[in-house]
N, C-alpha and C. Protein backbone atom coordinates (compact mmCIF):
# COMPACT_ATOMS: atom_id res chain seq x y z
N UNK A 1 120.07 94.83 86.03
CA UNK A 1 119.66 93.53 86.59
C UNK A 1 119.29 93.71 88.06
N UNK A 2 118.21 93.09 88.47
CA UNK A 2 117.78 93.16 89.87
C UNK A 2 118.66 92.27 90.71
N UNK A 3 119.14 92.73 91.85
CA UNK A 3 120.01 91.91 92.67
C UNK A 3 119.29 90.71 93.21
N UNK A 4 120.06 89.66 93.52
CA UNK A 4 119.47 88.44 94.06
C UNK A 4 118.82 88.73 95.40
N UNK A 5 117.78 87.96 95.69
CA UNK A 5 117.06 88.16 96.95
C UNK A 5 117.92 87.74 98.12
N UNK A 6 117.73 88.41 99.23
CA UNK A 6 118.35 87.95 100.46
C UNK A 6 117.65 86.67 100.88
N UNK A 7 118.34 85.77 101.58
CA UNK A 7 117.69 84.57 102.07
C UNK A 7 116.47 84.93 102.89
N UNK A 8 115.43 84.13 102.77
CA UNK A 8 114.17 84.42 103.45
C UNK A 8 114.42 84.53 104.95
N UNK A 9 113.93 85.61 105.51
CA UNK A 9 114.06 85.82 106.94
C UNK A 9 115.33 86.53 107.35
N UNK A 10 116.24 86.80 106.36
CA UNK A 10 117.53 87.37 106.74
C UNK A 10 117.53 88.89 106.70
N UNK A 11 116.61 89.49 105.95
CA UNK A 11 116.59 90.94 105.83
C UNK A 11 115.91 91.57 107.04
N UNK A 12 116.54 92.52 107.71
CA UNK A 12 115.92 93.14 108.88
C UNK A 12 114.58 93.77 108.51
N UNK A 13 113.60 93.58 109.35
CA UNK A 13 112.30 94.15 109.06
C UNK A 13 112.41 95.66 108.93
N UNK A 14 111.75 96.18 107.90
CA UNK A 14 111.76 97.61 107.69
C UNK A 14 112.99 98.14 106.99
N UNK A 15 113.85 97.24 106.49
CA UNK A 15 115.11 97.69 105.91
C UNK A 15 114.98 98.17 104.47
N UNK A 16 113.86 97.89 103.83
CA UNK A 16 113.70 98.27 102.44
C UNK A 16 113.74 99.77 102.25
N UNK A 17 114.32 100.24 101.13
CA UNK A 17 114.51 101.67 100.90
C UNK A 17 113.25 102.41 100.49
N UNK A 18 112.17 101.70 100.18
CA UNK A 18 110.98 102.39 99.70
C UNK A 18 110.01 102.81 100.79
N UNK A 19 110.38 102.60 102.05
CA UNK A 19 109.51 102.97 103.15
C UNK A 19 109.96 104.31 103.72
N UNK A 20 109.01 105.24 103.92
CA UNK A 20 109.37 106.59 104.35
C UNK A 20 109.65 106.70 105.84
N UNK A 21 110.33 107.77 106.20
CA UNK A 21 110.45 108.20 107.59
C UNK A 21 110.91 107.11 108.55
N UNK A 22 112.04 106.50 108.25
CA UNK A 22 112.59 105.52 109.18
C UNK A 22 112.12 104.12 108.93
N UNK A 23 111.17 103.94 108.01
CA UNK A 23 110.79 102.61 107.61
C UNK A 23 109.75 101.96 108.49
N UNK A 24 109.54 100.69 108.17
CA UNK A 24 108.49 99.91 108.82
C UNK A 24 108.77 99.66 110.29
N UNK A 25 110.03 99.54 110.65
CA UNK A 25 110.34 99.19 112.04
C UNK A 25 109.85 100.25 113.00
N UNK A 26 110.03 101.53 112.64
CA UNK A 26 109.52 102.59 113.50
C UNK A 26 108.00 102.53 113.59
N UNK A 27 107.36 102.30 112.46
CA UNK A 27 105.90 102.21 112.42
C UNK A 27 105.42 101.08 113.33
N UNK A 28 106.03 99.91 113.22
CA UNK A 28 105.61 98.77 114.03
C UNK A 28 105.88 98.98 115.50
N UNK A 29 107.01 99.57 115.82
CA UNK A 29 107.33 99.83 117.23
C UNK A 29 106.31 100.77 117.86
N UNK A 30 105.94 101.81 117.13
CA UNK A 30 104.98 102.76 117.67
C UNK A 30 103.58 102.15 117.74
N UNK A 31 103.23 101.34 116.76
CA UNK A 31 101.94 100.64 116.80
C UNK A 31 101.87 99.72 118.01
N UNK A 32 102.92 98.96 118.22
CA UNK A 32 102.95 98.03 119.35
C UNK A 32 102.81 98.77 120.67
N UNK A 33 103.57 99.83 120.84
CA UNK A 33 103.52 100.59 122.10
C UNK A 33 102.14 101.19 122.33
N UNK A 34 101.50 101.65 121.26
CA UNK A 34 100.18 102.27 121.39
C UNK A 34 99.10 101.25 121.76
N UNK A 35 99.31 99.99 121.39
CA UNK A 35 98.29 98.97 121.65
C UNK A 35 98.41 98.31 123.02
N UNK A 36 99.55 98.48 123.68
CA UNK A 36 99.77 97.83 124.97
C UNK A 36 98.64 98.11 125.97
N UNK A 37 98.17 99.37 126.13
CA UNK A 37 97.12 99.62 127.12
C UNK A 37 95.77 98.96 126.79
N UNK A 38 95.59 98.53 125.55
CA UNK A 38 94.30 97.98 125.12
C UNK A 38 94.32 96.47 124.92
N UNK A 39 95.49 95.85 125.00
CA UNK A 39 95.63 94.45 124.59
C UNK A 39 95.26 93.45 125.68
N UNK A 40 95.40 93.83 126.95
CA UNK A 40 95.10 92.91 128.05
C UNK A 40 95.84 91.59 127.91
N UNK A 41 97.09 91.67 127.48
CA UNK A 41 97.92 90.47 127.36
C UNK A 41 97.74 89.70 126.07
N UNK A 42 96.84 90.14 125.22
CA UNK A 42 96.59 89.43 123.97
C UNK A 42 97.64 89.81 122.92
N UNK A 43 97.86 88.91 121.96
CA UNK A 43 98.79 89.16 120.86
C UNK A 43 98.01 89.31 119.56
N UNK A 44 98.33 90.34 118.82
CA UNK A 44 97.66 90.63 117.56
C UNK A 44 98.54 90.17 116.40
N UNK A 45 98.07 89.17 115.66
CA UNK A 45 98.80 88.64 114.53
C UNK A 45 98.56 89.51 113.29
N UNK A 46 99.66 89.98 112.70
CA UNK A 46 99.60 90.82 111.50
C UNK A 46 100.27 90.06 110.36
N UNK A 47 99.48 89.57 109.42
CA UNK A 47 100.01 88.87 108.25
C UNK A 47 100.22 89.90 107.15
N UNK A 48 101.48 90.12 106.84
CA UNK A 48 101.90 91.23 105.99
C UNK A 48 101.76 90.88 104.51
N UNK A 49 101.11 91.72 103.75
CA UNK A 49 101.00 91.53 102.32
C UNK A 49 101.09 92.87 101.62
N UNK A 50 100.94 92.87 100.31
CA UNK A 50 101.01 94.12 99.58
C UNK A 50 102.44 94.53 99.28
N UNK A 51 102.58 95.71 98.70
CA UNK A 51 103.89 96.20 98.25
C UNK A 51 104.86 96.41 99.40
N UNK A 52 104.36 96.85 100.55
CA UNK A 52 105.28 97.09 101.67
C UNK A 52 105.96 95.80 102.12
N UNK A 53 105.31 94.64 101.89
CA UNK A 53 105.95 93.36 102.22
C UNK A 53 107.15 93.12 101.32
N UNK A 54 107.05 93.51 100.04
CA UNK A 54 108.17 93.36 99.12
C UNK A 54 109.31 94.32 99.50
N UNK A 55 108.93 95.53 99.86
CA UNK A 55 109.94 96.54 100.23
C UNK A 55 110.69 96.11 101.48
N UNK A 56 109.97 95.63 102.47
CA UNK A 56 110.58 95.27 103.73
C UNK A 56 111.37 93.97 103.64
N UNK A 57 110.77 92.96 103.01
CA UNK A 57 111.37 91.62 103.03
C UNK A 57 112.48 91.45 101.99
N UNK A 58 112.26 92.02 100.80
CA UNK A 58 113.19 91.78 99.70
C UNK A 58 113.96 93.02 99.27
N UNK A 59 113.82 94.10 100.02
CA UNK A 59 114.53 95.35 99.72
C UNK A 59 114.19 95.88 98.33
N UNK A 60 112.95 95.68 97.92
CA UNK A 60 112.49 96.26 96.67
C UNK A 60 112.54 97.79 96.78
N UNK A 61 112.79 98.46 95.67
CA UNK A 61 112.95 99.91 95.70
C UNK A 61 111.64 100.64 95.40
N UNK A 62 110.54 99.93 95.40
CA UNK A 62 109.23 100.58 95.21
C UNK A 62 108.93 101.50 96.39
N UNK A 63 108.18 102.55 96.13
CA UNK A 63 107.71 103.40 97.22
C UNK A 63 106.30 102.97 97.62
N UNK A 64 105.98 103.17 98.87
CA UNK A 64 104.65 102.80 99.35
C UNK A 64 104.31 103.63 100.58
N UNK A 65 103.03 103.86 100.79
CA UNK A 65 102.59 104.63 101.96
C UNK A 65 101.60 103.86 102.82
N UNK A 66 101.39 102.58 102.50
CA UNK A 66 100.48 101.80 103.33
C UNK A 66 101.11 100.47 103.70
N UNK A 67 100.71 99.96 104.85
CA UNK A 67 101.15 98.66 105.34
C UNK A 67 99.91 97.77 105.34
N UNK A 68 99.82 96.90 104.35
CA UNK A 68 98.66 96.01 104.22
C UNK A 68 98.85 94.78 105.10
N UNK A 69 97.84 94.49 105.89
CA UNK A 69 97.83 93.27 106.70
C UNK A 69 96.45 92.63 106.58
N UNK A 70 96.40 91.33 106.83
CA UNK A 70 95.16 90.58 106.68
C UNK A 70 94.22 90.86 107.85
N UNK A 71 92.97 91.14 107.53
CA UNK A 71 91.95 91.29 108.57
C UNK A 71 91.54 89.89 109.03
N UNK A 72 91.99 89.49 110.21
CA UNK A 72 91.76 88.13 110.69
C UNK A 72 90.45 87.99 111.46
N UNK A 73 89.99 89.09 112.08
CA UNK A 73 88.75 89.10 112.88
C UNK A 73 88.83 88.20 114.12
N UNK A 74 90.02 87.79 114.53
CA UNK A 74 90.15 87.00 115.75
C UNK A 74 90.11 87.89 116.99
N UNK A 75 90.63 89.11 116.84
CA UNK A 75 90.59 90.11 117.91
C UNK A 75 90.04 91.41 117.32
N UNK A 76 88.75 91.43 117.01
CA UNK A 76 88.19 92.58 116.28
C UNK A 76 88.34 93.91 117.01
N UNK A 77 88.23 93.91 118.33
CA UNK A 77 88.36 95.17 119.07
C UNK A 77 89.78 95.73 118.95
N UNK A 78 90.75 94.84 119.00
CA UNK A 78 92.14 95.29 118.92
C UNK A 78 92.49 95.70 117.48
N UNK A 79 91.96 95.00 116.51
CA UNK A 79 92.14 95.40 115.11
C UNK A 79 91.52 96.78 114.87
N UNK A 80 90.34 96.98 115.42
CA UNK A 80 89.66 98.27 115.26
C UNK A 80 90.46 99.39 115.91
N UNK A 81 91.02 99.12 117.09
CA UNK A 81 91.83 100.13 117.77
C UNK A 81 93.11 100.43 116.98
N UNK A 82 93.72 99.40 116.42
CA UNK A 82 94.93 99.60 115.61
C UNK A 82 94.62 100.47 114.39
N UNK A 83 93.48 100.21 113.76
CA UNK A 83 93.11 101.01 112.59
C UNK A 83 92.76 102.44 113.00
N UNK A 84 92.12 102.58 114.14
CA UNK A 84 91.77 103.91 114.62
C UNK A 84 93.03 104.75 114.86
N UNK A 85 94.05 104.13 115.45
CA UNK A 85 95.25 104.86 115.83
C UNK A 85 96.25 105.03 114.69
N UNK A 86 96.26 104.07 113.73
CA UNK A 86 97.28 104.09 112.68
C UNK A 86 96.70 103.93 111.28
N UNK A 87 95.39 104.02 111.14
CA UNK A 87 94.75 103.91 109.83
C UNK A 87 94.97 105.14 108.97
N UNK A 88 94.39 105.14 107.79
CA UNK A 88 94.69 106.14 106.76
C UNK A 88 94.47 107.58 107.22
N UNK A 89 93.44 107.84 107.99
CA UNK A 89 93.12 109.22 108.38
C UNK A 89 93.60 109.57 109.78
N UNK A 90 94.46 108.74 110.34
CA UNK A 90 94.90 108.96 111.72
C UNK A 90 96.01 110.01 111.81
N UNK A 91 96.18 110.52 113.02
CA UNK A 91 97.26 111.46 113.28
C UNK A 91 98.61 110.80 113.02
N UNK A 92 98.74 109.55 113.46
CA UNK A 92 100.00 108.83 113.28
C UNK A 92 100.33 108.62 111.80
N UNK A 93 99.31 108.39 110.99
CA UNK A 93 99.55 108.21 109.55
C UNK A 93 100.16 109.48 108.95
N UNK A 94 99.65 110.61 109.38
CA UNK A 94 100.20 111.88 108.88
C UNK A 94 101.62 112.12 109.41
N UNK A 95 101.86 111.73 110.65
CA UNK A 95 103.18 111.93 111.26
C UNK A 95 104.24 111.03 110.62
N UNK A 96 103.87 109.77 110.37
CA UNK A 96 104.83 108.78 109.88
C UNK A 96 104.82 108.64 108.36
N UNK A 97 103.83 109.25 107.72
CA UNK A 97 103.68 109.13 106.27
C UNK A 97 103.52 107.68 105.84
N UNK A 98 102.85 106.92 106.69
CA UNK A 98 102.64 105.49 106.48
C UNK A 98 101.41 105.10 107.28
N UNK A 99 100.53 104.30 106.69
CA UNK A 99 99.32 103.95 107.43
C UNK A 99 99.01 102.46 107.34
N UNK A 100 98.25 101.99 108.32
CA UNK A 100 97.87 100.58 108.43
C UNK A 100 96.57 100.36 107.67
N UNK A 101 96.55 99.30 106.85
CA UNK A 101 95.36 99.00 106.05
C UNK A 101 95.01 97.53 106.21
N UNK A 102 93.87 97.24 106.85
CA UNK A 102 93.42 95.86 107.02
C UNK A 102 92.69 95.41 105.76
N UNK A 103 93.10 94.27 105.21
CA UNK A 103 92.55 93.75 103.96
C UNK A 103 91.74 92.48 104.26
N UNK A 104 90.44 92.44 103.92
CA UNK A 104 89.64 91.23 104.13
C UNK A 104 90.22 90.04 103.39
N UNK A 105 90.15 88.86 104.00
CA UNK A 105 90.74 87.67 103.40
C UNK A 105 90.18 87.35 102.02
N UNK A 106 88.91 87.64 101.82
CA UNK A 106 88.26 87.29 100.56
C UNK A 106 88.58 88.26 99.43
N UNK A 107 89.18 89.40 99.77
CA UNK A 107 89.38 90.42 98.75
C UNK A 107 90.46 90.07 97.74
N UNK A 108 91.68 89.60 98.18
CA UNK A 108 92.68 89.34 97.14
C UNK A 108 92.30 88.21 96.16
N UNK A 109 91.80 87.03 96.54
CA UNK A 109 91.62 86.41 97.85
C UNK A 109 92.90 85.73 98.32
N UNK A 110 92.91 85.34 99.61
CA UNK A 110 94.08 84.69 100.18
C UNK A 110 93.98 83.17 100.06
N UNK A 111 95.08 82.50 99.77
CA UNK A 111 95.06 81.03 99.70
C UNK A 111 94.70 80.41 101.04
N UNK A 112 93.85 79.40 101.01
CA UNK A 112 93.49 78.71 102.23
C UNK A 112 94.70 78.12 102.92
N UNK A 113 94.75 78.24 104.25
CA UNK A 113 95.86 77.70 105.02
C UNK A 113 97.12 78.55 104.97
N UNK A 114 96.99 79.80 104.52
CA UNK A 114 98.19 80.64 104.40
C UNK A 114 98.88 80.85 105.74
N UNK A 115 98.13 80.81 106.82
CA UNK A 115 98.73 81.05 108.14
C UNK A 115 99.81 80.01 108.45
N UNK A 116 99.52 78.74 108.15
CA UNK A 116 100.46 77.67 108.48
C UNK A 116 101.75 77.77 107.66
N UNK A 117 101.67 78.39 106.51
CA UNK A 117 102.85 78.50 105.64
C UNK A 117 103.62 79.81 105.86
N UNK A 118 103.07 80.68 106.68
CA UNK A 118 103.72 81.96 106.95
C UNK A 118 104.86 81.81 107.95
N UNK A 119 105.76 82.78 107.93
CA UNK A 119 106.92 82.75 108.82
C UNK A 119 106.89 83.97 109.73
N UNK A 120 107.01 83.73 111.03
CA UNK A 120 107.00 84.84 111.98
C UNK A 120 108.29 85.63 111.89
N UNK A 121 108.15 86.94 111.92
CA UNK A 121 109.31 87.83 111.88
C UNK A 121 109.77 88.09 113.32
N UNK A 122 111.03 87.84 113.63
CA UNK A 122 111.51 88.11 114.99
C UNK A 122 111.37 89.59 115.35
N UNK A 123 110.95 89.82 116.57
CA UNK A 123 110.80 91.20 117.04
C UNK A 123 110.50 91.20 118.52
N UNK A 124 110.83 92.28 119.17
CA UNK A 124 110.62 92.36 120.61
C UNK A 124 109.30 92.98 121.00
N UNK A 125 108.28 92.83 120.15
CA UNK A 125 107.00 93.48 120.40
C UNK A 125 106.22 92.75 121.48
N UNK A 126 105.45 93.52 122.22
CA UNK A 126 104.65 92.96 123.32
C UNK A 126 103.25 92.57 122.88
N UNK A 127 102.75 93.22 121.84
CA UNK A 127 101.38 92.96 121.40
C UNK A 127 101.35 92.34 120.00
N UNK A 128 101.98 92.99 119.06
CA UNK A 128 101.87 92.52 117.68
C UNK A 128 102.82 91.36 117.41
N UNK A 129 102.39 90.49 116.48
CA UNK A 129 103.26 89.48 115.90
C UNK A 129 103.18 89.65 114.39
N UNK A 130 104.32 89.91 113.75
CA UNK A 130 104.35 90.12 112.32
C UNK A 130 104.69 88.82 111.62
N UNK A 131 103.94 88.52 110.55
CA UNK A 131 104.14 87.29 109.80
C UNK A 131 104.36 87.62 108.32
N UNK A 132 105.33 86.92 107.70
CA UNK A 132 105.57 87.03 106.27
C UNK A 132 104.85 85.88 105.56
N UNK A 133 104.07 86.20 104.55
CA UNK A 133 103.43 85.16 103.76
C UNK A 133 104.46 84.40 102.94
N UNK A 134 104.21 83.11 102.76
CA UNK A 134 105.03 82.32 101.81
C UNK A 134 104.95 83.01 100.46
N UNK A 135 106.04 83.04 99.73
CA UNK A 135 106.14 83.90 98.54
C UNK A 135 105.11 83.58 97.46
N UNK A 136 104.74 82.32 97.29
CA UNK A 136 103.73 81.98 96.28
C UNK A 136 102.33 82.42 96.74
N UNK A 137 102.08 82.31 98.05
CA UNK A 137 100.82 82.81 98.59
C UNK A 137 100.72 84.32 98.41
N UNK A 138 101.83 85.02 98.66
CA UNK A 138 101.86 86.47 98.47
C UNK A 138 101.60 86.82 97.01
N UNK A 139 102.27 86.11 96.10
CA UNK A 139 102.09 86.38 94.67
C UNK A 139 100.66 86.08 94.23
N UNK A 140 100.05 85.05 94.77
CA UNK A 140 98.69 84.67 94.38
C UNK A 140 97.68 85.77 94.69
N UNK A 141 97.95 86.58 95.73
CA UNK A 141 97.02 87.65 96.09
C UNK A 141 96.97 88.74 95.03
N UNK A 142 97.91 88.73 94.09
CA UNK A 142 98.01 89.79 93.07
C UNK A 142 97.44 89.36 91.72
N UNK A 143 96.95 88.13 91.63
CA UNK A 143 96.55 87.61 90.32
C UNK A 143 95.12 87.94 89.92
N UNK A 144 94.25 88.18 90.87
CA UNK A 144 92.87 88.51 90.51
C UNK A 144 92.77 89.93 89.99
N UNK A 145 93.28 90.89 90.73
CA UNK A 145 93.19 92.29 90.30
C UNK A 145 94.13 92.56 89.13
N UNK A 146 95.40 92.12 89.28
CA UNK A 146 96.39 92.20 88.19
C UNK A 146 96.53 93.61 87.63
N UNK A 147 96.54 94.58 88.55
CA UNK A 147 96.73 95.97 88.16
C UNK A 147 98.17 96.18 87.68
N UNK A 148 98.48 97.32 87.07
CA UNK A 148 99.87 97.59 86.70
C UNK A 148 100.84 97.43 87.87
N UNK A 149 100.44 97.87 89.06
CA UNK A 149 101.30 97.70 90.23
C UNK A 149 101.45 96.23 90.59
N UNK A 150 100.35 95.47 90.51
CA UNK A 150 100.43 94.03 90.79
C UNK A 150 101.37 93.34 89.82
N UNK A 151 101.28 93.71 88.55
CA UNK A 151 102.15 93.10 87.53
C UNK A 151 103.62 93.45 87.79
N UNK A 152 103.84 94.68 88.20
CA UNK A 152 105.21 95.09 88.53
C UNK A 152 105.74 94.30 89.72
N UNK A 153 104.89 94.09 90.72
CA UNK A 153 105.29 93.31 91.90
C UNK A 153 105.56 91.85 91.52
N UNK A 154 104.71 91.28 90.69
CA UNK A 154 104.90 89.91 90.25
C UNK A 154 106.17 89.76 89.42
N UNK A 155 106.43 90.74 88.57
CA UNK A 155 107.66 90.72 87.77
C UNK A 155 108.88 90.74 88.69
N UNK A 156 108.80 91.56 89.72
CA UNK A 156 109.91 91.63 90.69
C UNK A 156 110.15 90.27 91.32
N UNK A 157 109.08 89.60 91.76
CA UNK A 157 109.22 88.29 92.40
C UNK A 157 109.79 87.26 91.42
N UNK A 158 109.34 87.34 90.16
CA UNK A 158 109.87 86.43 89.13
C UNK A 158 111.36 86.70 88.90
N UNK A 159 111.71 87.96 88.76
CA UNK A 159 113.10 88.32 88.46
C UNK A 159 114.03 87.99 89.62
N UNK A 160 113.48 87.94 90.82
CA UNK A 160 114.27 87.55 91.99
C UNK A 160 114.49 86.04 92.05
N UNK A 161 113.81 85.30 91.19
CA UNK A 161 113.92 83.84 91.19
C UNK A 161 113.15 83.19 92.32
N UNK A 162 112.11 83.86 92.80
CA UNK A 162 111.36 83.37 93.97
C UNK A 162 110.14 82.53 93.62
N UNK A 163 109.70 82.59 92.36
CA UNK A 163 108.45 81.93 92.00
C UNK A 163 108.66 80.74 91.08
N UNK A 164 107.87 79.71 91.33
CA UNK A 164 107.78 78.55 90.46
C UNK A 164 106.33 78.41 90.01
N UNK A 165 106.13 78.14 88.74
CA UNK A 165 104.78 78.15 88.16
C UNK A 165 103.84 77.18 88.86
N UNK A 166 104.30 75.96 89.12
CA UNK A 166 103.40 74.97 89.71
C UNK A 166 103.04 75.33 91.15
N UNK A 167 103.99 75.85 91.89
CA UNK A 167 103.70 76.26 93.26
C UNK A 167 102.75 77.46 93.28
N UNK A 168 102.90 78.35 92.32
CA UNK A 168 102.00 79.50 92.23
C UNK A 168 100.59 79.04 91.87
N UNK A 169 100.51 78.08 90.98
CA UNK A 169 99.19 77.51 90.62
C UNK A 169 98.55 76.87 91.84
N UNK A 170 99.33 76.16 92.63
CA UNK A 170 98.80 75.51 93.83
C UNK A 170 98.26 76.54 94.81
N UNK A 171 99.00 77.65 95.00
CA UNK A 171 98.51 78.71 95.89
C UNK A 171 97.23 79.33 95.35
N UNK A 172 97.16 79.52 94.05
CA UNK A 172 95.96 80.11 93.47
C UNK A 172 94.77 79.17 93.58
N UNK A 173 95.01 77.88 93.42
CA UNK A 173 93.94 76.89 93.62
C UNK A 173 93.41 76.98 95.05
N UNK A 174 94.30 77.15 95.99
CA UNK A 174 93.89 77.26 97.39
C UNK A 174 93.12 78.56 97.64
N UNK A 175 93.42 79.61 96.86
CA UNK A 175 92.69 80.87 97.02
C UNK A 175 91.25 80.75 96.53
N UNK A 176 91.04 79.87 95.57
CA UNK A 176 89.69 79.66 95.03
C UNK A 176 89.21 78.25 95.33
N UNK A 177 89.55 77.75 96.51
CA UNK A 177 89.28 76.37 96.86
C UNK A 177 87.79 76.04 96.93
N UNK A 178 86.95 77.05 97.11
CA UNK A 178 85.51 76.81 97.18
C UNK A 178 84.83 76.98 95.83
N UNK A 179 85.60 77.33 94.83
CA UNK A 179 85.05 77.52 93.49
C UNK A 179 85.52 76.40 92.57
N UNK A 180 84.76 76.16 91.53
CA UNK A 180 85.10 75.16 90.54
C UNK A 180 85.08 75.83 89.17
N UNK A 181 85.97 75.42 88.27
CA UNK A 181 85.96 76.05 86.94
C UNK A 181 84.60 76.05 86.27
N UNK A 182 83.80 75.03 86.55
CA UNK A 182 82.48 74.94 85.92
C UNK A 182 81.49 75.96 86.47
N UNK A 183 81.83 76.58 87.61
CA UNK A 183 80.92 77.55 88.22
C UNK A 183 80.83 78.84 87.42
N UNK A 184 81.81 79.08 86.57
CA UNK A 184 81.77 80.29 85.75
C UNK A 184 82.09 81.55 86.52
N UNK A 185 82.91 81.45 87.56
CA UNK A 185 83.31 82.62 88.36
C UNK A 185 84.26 83.47 87.52
N UNK A 186 83.84 84.67 87.16
CA UNK A 186 84.66 85.51 86.29
C UNK A 186 85.97 85.92 86.95
N UNK A 187 85.96 86.05 88.29
CA UNK A 187 87.18 86.44 88.99
C UNK A 187 88.19 85.28 88.99
N UNK A 188 87.68 84.07 89.18
CA UNK A 188 88.56 82.90 89.11
C UNK A 188 89.14 82.75 87.72
N UNK A 189 88.30 82.90 86.72
CA UNK A 189 88.76 82.78 85.34
C UNK A 189 89.83 83.81 85.02
N UNK A 190 89.62 85.04 85.48
CA UNK A 190 90.59 86.10 85.23
C UNK A 190 91.91 85.81 85.93
N UNK A 191 91.84 85.34 87.17
CA UNK A 191 93.06 85.06 87.94
C UNK A 191 93.89 83.97 87.27
N UNK A 192 93.23 82.92 86.79
CA UNK A 192 93.97 81.83 86.16
C UNK A 192 94.48 82.22 84.77
N UNK A 193 93.77 83.10 84.12
CA UNK A 193 94.28 83.62 82.85
C UNK A 193 95.53 84.46 83.10
N UNK A 194 95.51 85.24 84.17
CA UNK A 194 96.68 86.04 84.52
C UNK A 194 97.84 85.15 84.95
N UNK A 195 97.52 84.03 85.59
CA UNK A 195 98.56 83.07 85.96
C UNK A 195 99.30 82.58 84.72
N UNK A 196 98.58 82.38 83.63
CA UNK A 196 99.21 81.94 82.38
C UNK A 196 100.23 82.96 81.89
N UNK A 197 99.94 84.23 82.10
CA UNK A 197 100.88 85.28 81.70
C UNK A 197 102.15 85.23 82.55
N UNK A 198 101.97 84.97 83.85
CA UNK A 198 103.13 84.85 84.73
C UNK A 198 103.95 83.62 84.33
N UNK A 199 103.27 82.53 84.03
CA UNK A 199 103.95 81.30 83.61
C UNK A 199 104.76 81.57 82.34
N UNK A 200 104.15 82.27 81.39
CA UNK A 200 104.86 82.57 80.14
C UNK A 200 106.09 83.44 80.40
N UNK A 201 105.96 84.38 81.32
CA UNK A 201 107.11 85.24 81.66
C UNK A 201 108.23 84.42 82.29
N UNK A 202 107.86 83.50 83.16
CA UNK A 202 108.87 82.64 83.78
C UNK A 202 109.59 81.78 82.75
N UNK A 203 108.89 81.49 81.66
CA UNK A 203 109.47 80.66 80.61
C UNK A 203 110.23 81.48 79.57
N UNK A 204 110.26 82.80 79.73
CA UNK A 204 111.07 83.61 78.85
C UNK A 204 110.36 84.66 78.03
N UNK A 205 109.04 84.81 78.21
CA UNK A 205 108.33 85.87 77.51
C UNK A 205 108.92 87.22 77.90
N UNK A 206 109.04 88.16 76.97
CA UNK A 206 109.73 89.43 77.27
C UNK A 206 108.98 90.35 78.21
N UNK A 207 107.66 90.24 78.26
CA UNK A 207 106.87 91.11 79.14
C UNK A 207 105.86 90.26 79.90
N UNK A 208 105.41 90.81 81.02
CA UNK A 208 104.41 90.12 81.82
C UNK A 208 103.05 90.74 81.53
């Protein structure tokens, strides 16, 4: 049985066991320090998603080598510098065995207004601000692709008792807020079909 989730916001950032080499906290501290000379007093908002968010926030035992954050484009020069210094092919990525990956908002896609529902993670950083997505918004980002890893992540969130079907549907509606069922968007159709599988699992189906 999967242990109950820690209360939201109570788990120390980077505490999850699936993060290598000291975890996310070391990665974020070094990222923040590296960006100080380039920030000119600006703050870079990092909205955390993907598997590393589950590992850090809920102490999931999954392994991961990337830290997915939303590409906001509000500070493009600073985002570009962060990716240059800590992206997949960077020296720091090889040193820390963990890399920064900026994800375009339209790719998962992200529910509209996700920023207002996110919770800031306390930290003494001078440049970066880390944000945790609301759990249904985070889950909604996994419904379009619905890869084996996405299904495993969704199952974890369900088993933790964190998801409610109607709230997940609402987040998914917000992710496709510019589309209508009559438009025939195959990605929207697939995401909502996958939502039905999550709903069935929440109601007691043996597999997701």
